[in-house]
Amino acid sequence: MARKGFQGGIDSILGEMTSNPAKELQKSETLIKTTVMIKMQHFKNLKSIAYWERKTLKEILDESISMYTEQYTKNNGEIKPID
């Protein structure tokens, strides 16, 4: 099968990405990669929520942690650093 007239590459088909969202995120905040062990049912629930909300698991976890720390601060005052 000949590739007649196909000169633009894959970007011409898919369109060019004007920016990299991961790089933009890294500019605004520092991220850390870690491993945690959670109950399988919690993982399945979070994964289902992420699917139905059309979000990533990372976004769901970030929102959950933000809500938890906000509630903790409201009930206990400012979170003291351990360092």
PDB file of N, CA and C in Angstrom:
ATOM      1  N   MET A   1       0.843  -1.178   0.000  1.00  0.00           N
ATOM      2  CA  MET A   1       0.000   0.000   0.000  1.00  0.00           C
ATOM      3  C   MET A   1       0.885   1.237   0.000  1.00  0.00           C
ATOM      4  N   ALA A   2       0.716   2.094  -0.947  1.00  0.00           N
ATOM      5  CA  ALA A   2       1.544   3.288  -1.077  1.00  0.00           C
ATOM      6  C   ALA A   2       1.036   4.385  -0.158  1.00  0.00           C
ATOM      7  N   ARG A   3       1.975   5.229   0.261  1.00  0.00           N
ATOM      8  CA  ARG A   3       1.616   6.351   1.137  1.00  0.00           C
ATOM      9  C   ARG A   3       1.602   7.627   0.317  1.00  0.00           C
ATOM     10  N   LYS A   4       0.860   7.649  -0.728  1.00  0.00           N
ATOM     11  CA  LYS A   4       0.810   8.784  -1.630  1.00  0.00           C
ATOM     12  C   LYS A   4       0.246  10.023  -0.945  1.00  0.00           C
ATOM     13  N   GLY A   5       0.994  11.098  -0.956  1.00  0.00           N
ATOM     14  CA  GLY A   5       0.514  12.369  -0.435  1.00  0.00           C
ATOM     15  C   GLY A   5       0.480  12.485   1.078  1.00  0.00           C
ATOM     16  N   PHE A   6       0.928  11.494   1.797  1.00  0.00           N
ATOM     17  CA  PHE A   6       0.934  11.552   3.265  1.00  0.00           C
ATOM     18  C   PHE A   6       2.257  12.151   3.728  1.00  0.00           C
ATOM     19  N   GLN A   7       2.268  13.451   3.937  1.00  0.00           N
ATOM     20  CA  GLN A   7       3.519  14.124   4.283  1.00  0.00           C
ATOM     21  C   GLN A   7       3.483  14.811   5.637  1.00  0.00           C
ATOM     22  N   GLY A   8       2.320  15.020   6.176  1.00  0.00           N
ATOM     23  CA  GLY A   8       2.207  15.808   7.390  1.00  0.00           C
ATOM     24  C   GLY A   8       2.528  15.078   8.681  1.00  0.00           C
ATOM     25  N   GLY A   9       2.593  13.784   8.662  1.00  0.00           N
ATOM     26  CA  GLY A   9       2.850  13.048   9.886  1.00  0.00           C
ATOM     27  C   GLY A   9       1.596  12.903  10.724  1.00  0.00           C
ATOM     28  N   ILE A  10       1.759  12.310  11.866  1.00  0.00           N
ATOM     29  CA  ILE A  10       0.621  12.021  12.748  1.00  0.00           C
ATOM     30  C   ILE A  10       0.001  13.302  13.297  1.00  0.00           C
ATOM     31  N   ASP A  11       0.800  14.360  13.486  1.00  0.00           N
ATOM     32  CA  ASP A  11       0.262  15.624  13.996  1.00  0.00           C
ATOM     33  C   ASP A  11      -0.753  16.247  13.055  1.00  0.00           C
ATOM     34  N   SER A  12      -0.586  16.031  11.760  1.00  0.00           N
ATOM     35  CA  SER A  12      -1.548  16.596  10.811  1.00  0.00           C
ATOM     36  C   SER A  12      -2.903  15.909  10.926  1.00  0.00           C
ATOM     37  N   ILE A  13      -2.914  14.657  11.386  1.00  0.00           N
ATOM     38  CA  ILE A  13      -4.164  13.931  11.552  1.00  0.00           C
ATOM     39  C   ILE A  13      -4.812  14.278  12.889  1.00  0.00           C
ATOM     40  N   LEU A  14      -4.014  14.254  13.944  1.00  0.00           N
ATOM     41  CA  LEU A  14      -4.542  14.471  15.282  1.00  0.00           C
ATOM     42  C   LEU A  14      -4.609  15.932  15.688  1.00  0.00           C
ATOM     43  N   GLY A  15      -3.866  16.776  15.027  1.00  0.00           N
ATOM     44  CA  GLY A  15      -3.775  18.175  15.418  1.00  0.00           C
ATOM     45  C   GLY A  15      -2.629  18.368  16.376  1.00  0.00           C
ATOM     46  N   GLU A  16      -2.075  19.540  16.404  1.00  0.00           N
ATOM     47  CA  GLU A  16      -0.921  19.807  17.258  1.00  0.00           C
ATOM     48  C   GLU A  16      -1.374  20.119  18.675  1.00  0.00           C
ATOM     49  N   MET A  17      -0.578  19.676  19.625  1.00  0.00           N
ATOM     50  CA  MET A  17      -0.804  20.069  21.015  1.00  0.00           C
ATOM     51  C   MET A  17      -0.105  21.399  21.225  1.00  0.00           C
ATOM     52  N   THR A  18      -0.840  22.372  21.680  1.00  0.00           N
ATOM     53  CA  THR A  18      -0.233  23.678  21.890  1.00  0.00           C
ATOM     54  C   THR A  18       0.490  23.774  23.221  1.00  0.00           C
ATOM     55  N   SER A  19       0.079  22.956  24.181  1.00  0.00           N
ATOM     56  CA  SER A  19       0.747  22.984  25.477  1.00  0.00           C
ATOM     57  C   SER A  19       0.715  21.594  26.094  1.00  0.00           C
ATOM     58  N   ASN A  20       1.584  21.395  27.054  1.00  0.00           N
ATOM     59  CA  ASN A  20       1.645  20.125  27.770  1.00  0.00           C
ATOM     60  C   ASN A  20       1.051  20.345  29.157  1.00  0.00           C
ATOM     61  N   PRO A  21      -0.139  19.801  29.434  1.00  0.00           N
ATOM     62  CA  PRO A  21      -0.780  20.035  30.739  1.00  0.00           C
ATOM     63  C   PRO A  21       0.083  19.593  31.917  1.00  0.00           C
ATOM     64  N   ALA A  22       0.839  18.520  31.766  1.00  0.00           N
ATOM     65  CA  ALA A  22       1.684  18.050  32.862  1.00  0.00           C
ATOM     66  C   ALA A  22       2.763  19.076  33.191  1.00  0.00           C
ATOM     67  N   LYS A  23       3.353  19.678  32.181  1.00  0.00           N
ATOM     68  CA  LYS A  23       4.377  20.693  32.427  1.00  0.00           C
ATOM     69  C   LYS A  23       3.775  21.935  33.072  1.00  0.00           C
ATOM     70  N   GLU A  24       2.570  22.311  32.636  1.00  0.00           N
ATOM     71  CA  GLU A  24       1.906  23.470  33.239  1.00  0.00           C
ATOM     72  C   GLU A  24       1.609  23.217  34.711  1.00  0.00           C
ATOM     73  N   LEU A  25       1.197  22.008  35.051  1.00  0.00           N
ATOM     74  CA  LEU A  25       0.914  21.659  36.439  1.00  0.00           C
ATOM     75  C   LEU A  25       2.186  21.720  37.264  1.00  0.00           C
ATOM     76  N   GLN A  26       3.287  21.223  36.725  1.00  0.00           N
ATOM     77  CA  GLN A  26       4.545  21.216  37.452  1.00  0.00           C
ATOM     78  C   GLN A  26       5.045  22.628  37.725  1.00  0.00           C
ATOM     79  N   LYS A  27       4.731  23.567  36.862  1.00  0.00           N
ATOM     80  CA  LYS A  27       5.148  24.948  37.077  1.00  0.00           C
ATOM     81  C   LYS A  27       4.466  25.542  38.304  1.00  0.00           C
ATOM     82  N   SER A  28       3.193  25.165  38.530  1.00  0.00           N
ATOM     83  CA  SER A  28       2.415  25.812  39.582  1.00  0.00           C
ATOM     84  C   SER A  28       2.503  25.122  40.943  1.00  0.00           C
ATOM     85  N   GLU A  29       2.807  23.833  40.972  1.00  0.00           N
ATOM     86  CA  GLU A  29       2.860  23.147  42.257  1.00  0.00           C
ATOM     87  C   GLU A  29       3.859  21.995  42.219  1.00  0.00           C
ATOM     88  N   THR A  30       4.372  21.663  43.381  1.00  0.00           N
ATOM     89  CA  THR A  30       5.310  20.554  43.492  1.00  0.00           C
ATOM     90  C   THR A  30       4.533  19.284  43.773  1.00  0.00           C
ATOM     91  N   LEU A  31       4.807  18.255  43.015  1.00  0.00           N
ATOM     92  CA  LEU A  31       4.139  16.975  43.198  1.00  0.00           C
ATOM     93  C   LEU A  31       5.123  15.959  43.755  1.00  0.00           C
ATOM     94  N   ILE A  32       4.611  14.988  44.486  1.00  0.00           N
ATOM     95  CA  ILE A  32       5.439  13.907  45.005  1.00  0.00           C
ATOM     96  C   ILE A  32       4.767  12.594  44.618  1.00  0.00           C
ATOM     97  N   LYS A  33       5.565  11.641  44.243  1.00  0.00           N
ATOM     98  CA  LYS A  33       5.055  10.325  43.899  1.00  0.00           C
ATOM     99  C   LYS A  33       5.337   9.394  45.070  1.00  0.00           C
ATOM    100  N   THR A  34       4.296   8.690  45.529  1.00  0.00           N
ATOM    101  CA  THR A  34       4.437   7.811  46.679  1.00  0.00           C
ATOM    102  C   THR A  34       3.578   6.569  46.486  1.00  0.00           C
ATOM    103  N   THR A  35       3.811   5.587  47.287  1.00  0.00           N
ATOM    104  CA  THR A  35       3.015   4.368  47.250  1.00  0.00           C
ATOM    105  C   THR A  35       2.285   4.232  48.577  1.00  0.00           C
ATOM    106  N   VAL A  36       1.001   3.917  48.498  1.00  0.00           N
ATOM    107  CA  VAL A  36       0.211   3.693  49.707  1.00  0.00           C
ATOM    108  C   VAL A  36      -0.571   2.402  49.533  1.00  0.00           C
ATOM    109  N   MET A  37      -0.924   1.804  50.647  1.00  0.00           N
ATOM    110  CA  MET A  37      -1.750   0.602  50.615  1.00  0.00           C
ATOM    111  C   MET A  37      -3.117   0.980  51.165  1.00  0.00           C
ATOM    112  N   ILE A  38      -4.160   0.710  50.378  1.00  0.00           N
ATOM    113  CA  ILE A  38      -5.522   1.000  50.810  1.00  0.00           C
ATOM    114  C   ILE A  38      -6.371  -0.257  50.616  1.00  0.00           C
ATOM    115  N   LYS A  39      -7.499  -0.279  51.270  1.00  0.00           N
ATOM    116  CA  LYS A  39      -8.417  -1.407  51.125  1.00  0.00           C
ATOM    117  C   LYS A  39      -8.902  -1.484  49.685  1.00  0.00           C
ATOM    118  N   MET A  40      -9.055  -2.698  49.194  1.00  0.00           N
ATOM    119  CA  MET A  40      -9.484  -2.915  47.813  1.00  0.00           C
ATOM    120  C   MET A  40     -10.830  -2.244  47.544  1.00  0.00           C
ATOM    121  N   GLN A  41     -11.739  -2.307  48.501  1.00  0.00           N
ATOM    122  CA  GLN A  41     -13.055  -1.706  48.293  1.00  0.00           C
ATOM    123  C   GLN A  41     -12.954  -0.183  48.158  1.00  0.00           C
ATOM    124  N   HIS A  42     -12.069   0.447  48.937  1.00  0.00           N
ATOM    125  CA  HIS A  42     -11.868   1.897  48.799  1.00  0.00           C
ATOM    126  C   HIS A  42     -11.332   2.222  47.407  1.00  0.00           C
ATOM    127  N   PHE A  43     -10.381   1.428  46.943  1.00  0.00           N
ATOM    128  CA  PHE A  43      -9.808   1.639  45.615  1.00  0.00           C
ATOM    129  C   PHE A  43     -10.886   1.504  44.530  1.00  0.00           C
ATOM    130  N   LYS A  44     -11.692   0.452  44.620  1.00  0.00           N
ATOM    131  CA  LYS A  44     -12.752   0.246  43.626  1.00  0.00           C
ATOM    132  C   LYS A  44     -13.754   1.388  43.636  1.00  0.00           C
ATOM    133  N   ASN A  45     -14.101   1.860  44.838  1.00  0.00           N
ATOM    134  CA  ASN A  45     -15.046   2.976  44.948  1.00  0.00           C
ATOM    135  C   ASN A  45     -14.467   4.250  44.327  1.00  0.00           C
ATOM    136  N   LEU A  46     -13.216   4.554  44.658  1.00  0.00           N
ATOM    137  CA  LEU A  46     -12.589   5.754  44.107  1.00  0.00           C
ATOM    138  C   LEU A  46     -12.455   5.668  42.594  1.00  0.00           C
ATOM    139  N   LYS A  47     -12.092   4.502  42.104  1.00  0.00           N
ATOM    140  CA  LYS A  47     -11.951   4.307  40.664  1.00  0.00           C
ATOM    141  C   LYS A  47     -13.298   4.477  39.961  1.00  0.00           C
ATOM    142  N   SER A  48     -14.365   3.958  40.558  1.00  0.00           N
ATOM    143  CA  SER A  48     -15.712   4.119  39.991  1.00  0.00           C
ATOM    144  C   SER A  48     -16.139   5.580  39.995  1.00  0.00           C
ATOM    145  N   ILE A  49     -15.884   6.271  41.093  1.00  0.00           N
ATOM    146  CA  ILE A  49     -16.216   7.694  41.162  1.00  0.00           C
ATOM    147  C   ILE A  49     -15.462   8.458  40.081  1.00  0.00           C
ATOM    148  N   ALA A  50     -14.180   8.166  39.932  1.00  0.00           N
ATOM    149  CA  ALA A  50     -13.377   8.839  38.903  1.00  0.00           C
ATOM    150  C   ALA A  50     -13.959   8.581  37.517  1.00  0.00           C
ATOM    151  N   TYR A  51     -14.355   7.362  37.259  1.00  0.00           N
ATOM    152  CA  TYR A  51     -14.930   7.029  35.949  1.00  0.00           C
ATOM    153  C   TYR A  51     -16.206   7.818  35.692  1.00  0.00           C
ATOM    154  N   TRP A  52     -17.129   7.770  36.643  1.00  0.00           N
ATOM    155  CA  TRP A  52     -18.426   8.419  36.432  1.00  0.00           C
ATOM    156  C   TRP A  52     -18.341   9.937  36.445  1.00  0.00           C
ATOM    157  N   GLU A  53     -17.364  10.488  37.142  1.00  0.00           N
ATOM    158  CA  GLU A  53     -17.170  11.942  37.157  1.00  0.00           C
ATOM    159  C   GLU A  53     -16.283  12.415  36.004  1.00  0.00           C
ATOM    160  N   ARG A  54     -15.760  11.457  35.237  1.00  0.00           N
ATOM    161  CA  ARG A  54     -14.870  11.753  34.108  1.00  0.00           C
ATOM    162  C   ARG A  54     -13.638  12.532  34.575  1.00  0.00           C
ATOM    163  N   LYS A  55     -13.065  12.026  35.662  1.00  0.00           N
ATOM    164  CA  LYS A  55     -11.854  12.612  36.229  1.00  0.00           C
ATOM    165  C   LYS A  55     -10.827  11.511  36.384  1.00  0.00           C
ATOM    166  N   THR A  56      -9.599  11.901  36.656  1.00  0.00           N
ATOM    167  CA  THR A  56      -8.565  10.906  36.910  1.00  0.00           C
ATOM    168  C   THR A  56      -8.609  10.507  38.374  1.00  0.00           C
ATOM    169  N   LEU A  57      -8.043   9.353  38.662  1.00  0.00           N
ATOM    170  CA  LEU A  57      -7.953   8.900  40.049  1.00  0.00           C
ATOM    171  C   LEU A  57      -7.158   9.904  40.872  1.00  0.00           C
ATOM    172  N   LYS A  58      -6.126  10.487  40.267  1.00  0.00           N
ATOM    173  CA  LYS A  58      -5.319  11.513  40.938  1.00  0.00           C
ATOM    174  C   LYS A  58      -6.181  12.708  41.343  1.00  0.00           C
ATOM    175  N   GLU A  59      -7.062  13.147  40.444  1.00  0.00           N
ATOM    176  CA  GLU A  59      -7.930  14.281  40.755  1.00  0.00           C
ATOM    177  C   GLU A  59      -8.892  13.950  41.894  1.00  0.00           C
ATOM    178  N   ILE A  60      -9.452  12.750  41.876  1.00  0.00           N
ATOM    179  CA  ILE A  60     -10.379  12.334  42.936  1.00  0.00           C
ATOM    180  C   ILE A  60      -9.656  12.264  44.282  1.00  0.00           C
ATOM    181  N   LEU A  61      -8.453  11.687  44.284  1.00  0.00           N
ATOM    182  CA  LEU A  61      -7.682  11.604  45.526  1.00  0.00           C
ATOM    183  C   LEU A  61      -7.296  12.989  46.028  1.00  0.00           C
ATOM    184  N   ASP A  62      -6.901  13.867  45.128  1.00  0.00           N
ATOM    185  CA  ASP A  62      -6.524  15.227  45.512  1.00  0.00           C
ATOM    186  C   ASP A  62      -7.715  15.961  46.141  1.00  0.00           C
ATOM    187  N   GLU A  63      -8.885  15.830  45.520  1.00  0.00           N
ATOM    188  CA  GLU A  63     -10.091  16.457  46.076  1.00  0.00           C
ATOM    189  C   GLU A  63     -10.426  15.867  47.442  1.00  0.00           C
ATOM    190  N   SER A  64     -10.298  14.554  47.577  1.00  0.00           N
ATOM    191  CA  SER A  64     -10.610  13.886  48.842  1.00  0.00           C
ATOM    192  C   SER A  64      -9.679  14.347  49.955  1.00  0.00           C
ATOM    193  N   ILE A  65      -8.401  14.410  49.654  1.00  0.00           N
ATOM    194  CA  ILE A  65      -7.422  14.851  50.657  1.00  0.00           C
ATOM    195  C   ILE A  65      -7.649  16.312  51.021  1.00  0.00           C
ATOM    196  N   SER A  66      -7.968  17.139  50.034  1.00  0.00           N
ATOM    197  CA  SER A  66      -8.256  18.552  50.305  1.00  0.00           C
ATOM    198  C   SER A  66      -9.463  18.699  51.225  1.00  0.00           C
ATOM    199  N   MET A  67     -10.518  17.920  50.949  1.00  0.00           N
ATOM    200  CA  MET A  67     -11.714  17.982  51.790  1.00  0.00           C
ATOM    201  C   MET A  67     -11.406  17.505  53.207  1.00  0.00           C
ATOM    202  N   TYR A  68     -10.619  16.448  53.330  1.00  0.00           N
ATOM    203  CA  TYR A  68     -10.271  15.916  54.650  1.00  0.00           C
ATOM    204  C   TYR A  68      -9.442  16.928  55.441  1.00  0.00           C
ATOM    205  N   THR A  69      -8.421  17.511  54.819  1.00  0.00           N
ATOM    206  CA  THR A  69      -7.571  18.471  55.542  1.00  0.00           C
ATOM    207  C   THR A  69      -8.346  19.742  55.890  1.00  0.00           C
ATOM    208  N   GLU A  70      -9.273  20.145  55.029  1.00  0.00           N
ATOM    209  CA  GLU A  70     -10.115  21.308  55.335  1.00  0.00           C
ATOM    210  C   GLU A  70     -10.982  21.030  56.561  1.00  0.00           C
ATOM    211  N   GLN A  71     -11.586  19.845  56.604  1.00  0.00           N
ATOM    212  CA  GLN A  71     -12.424  19.463  57.745  1.00  0.00           C
ATOM    213  C   GLN A  71     -11.575  19.323  59.013  1.00  0.00           C
ATOM    214  N   TYR A  72     -10.397  18.734  58.888  1.00  0.00           N
ATOM    215  CA  TYR A  72      -9.499  18.570  60.035  1.00  0.00           C
ATOM    216  C   TYR A  72      -9.107  19.939  60.596  1.00  0.00           C
ATOM    217  N   THR A  73      -8.751  20.864  59.727  1.00  0.00           N
ATOM    218  CA  THR A  73      -8.362  22.213  60.149  1.00  0.00           C
ATOM    219  C   THR A  73      -9.525  22.924  60.830  1.00  0.00           C
ATOM    220  N   LYS A  74     -10.717  22.733  60.304  1.00  0.00           N
ATOM    221  CA  LYS A  74     -11.907  23.355  60.882  1.00  0.00           C
ATOM    222  C   LYS A  74     -12.153  22.837  62.301  1.00  0.00           C
ATOM    223  N   ASN A  75     -11.936  21.539  62.514  1.00  0.00           N
ATOM    224  CA  ASN A  75     -12.198  20.930  63.821  1.00  0.00           C
ATOM    225  C   ASN A  75     -11.042  21.071  64.809  1.00  0.00           C
ATOM    226  N   ASN A  76      -9.806  21.100  64.318  1.00  0.00           N
ATOM    227  CA  ASN A  76      -8.634  21.027  65.203  1.00  0.00           C
ATOM    228  C   ASN A  76      -7.690  22.221  65.112  1.00  0.00           C
ATOM    229  N   GLY A  77      -7.966  23.150  64.257  1.00  0.00           N
ATOM    230  CA  GLY A  77      -7.057  24.272  64.080  1.00  0.00           C
ATOM    231  C   GLY A  77      -5.984  23.955  63.051  1.00  0.00           C
ATOM    232  N   GLU A  78      -5.037  24.850  62.944  1.00  0.00           N
ATOM    233  CA  GLU A  78      -3.976  24.727  61.942  1.00  0.00           C
ATOM    234  C   GLU A  78      -3.199  23.434  62.122  1.00  0.00           C
ATOM    235  N   ILE A  79      -2.827  22.819  61.007  1.00  0.00           N
ATOM    236  CA  ILE A  79      -2.033  21.589  61.030  1.00  0.00           C
ATOM    237  C   ILE A  79      -0.590  21.952  61.304  1.00  0.00           C
ATOM    238  N   LYS A  80      -0.038  21.348  62.346  1.00  0.00           N
ATOM    239  CA  LYS A  80       1.339  21.647  62.727  1.00  0.00           C
ATOM    240  C   LYS A  80       2.292  20.763  61.935  1.00  0.00           C
ATOM    241  N   PRO A  81       3.362  21.343  61.387  1.00  0.00           N
ATOM    242  CA  PRO A  81       4.347  20.529  60.656  1.00  0.00           C
ATOM    243  C   PRO A  81       5.096  19.583  61.604  1.00  0.00           C
ATOM    244  N   ILE A  82       5.586  18.457  61.085  1.00  0.00           N
ATOM    245  CA  ILE A  82       6.316  17.498  61.912  1.00  0.00           C
ATOM    246  C   ILE A  82       7.819  17.697  61.818  1.00  0.00           C
ATOM    247  N   ASP A  83       8.266  18.566  60.968  1.00  0.00           N
ATOM    248  CA  ASP A  83       9.715  18.817  60.820  1.00  0.00           C
ATOM    249  C   ASP A  83      10.209  19.816  61.819  1.00  0.00           C
TER     250      ASP A  83
END
